[in-house]
């Protein structure tokens, strides 16, 4: 009889794809799609994905297109009964996501530093605000893409979210300074107090 822990586990899709007889564009498309889904490769052309309704639908469509292009593809549903093996797979999925989250943590202080420099120069303008808003929007989209394939709630997600929220807070202060400058008044809080990038990076880590 299965334990409750075993019953509650994710099942996996084992995906095997060969594009040897398909156009090169098919190979690239398959790689990009599986990467966007957060697939864990066991070996070349063989990968795992948690079995979720949306994931299964996307994989099914992808494999149908591979076959239509002359390639071969198969997906199988798997249970992982061994506790150690299951935990190792989860750790490997999380390690992939933590690497991606870590890139956000590494890059976010650049925006904080840019805001700090522009504030120090007295250059809190709406042109700079709009430019920084575009940067923040890119961080939000980047974070959302990673979160969509973060099936097991990788621990690095918390640090990445905090890093982006620090940018959002700093940008709000910078925008207040721009508004105050335009109105000829002083903001309640000087955005020049945005801490240097190194301090924020240490805090996130």
Foldseek 3Di string as FASTA:
>chain_A
DADPVLVPDFKKKKKAKDLPVFDPVLVVVVVVVCVLLLWADPDPRITMATDDPVVVVVVVVSQVVSVVRPIHMDIDIGRDRDPVVSVVVLVRSLVVLLVLLVVLLVPLLVLLQVLLVCLVVVNLAVVVLVVSVVVLVVLVVSLVSSVNNNPPPRPSNVLSVVSSVLSVVLSVLSNQQNVCVVVVHGGPDRSNPRDHSVVSSVVSD
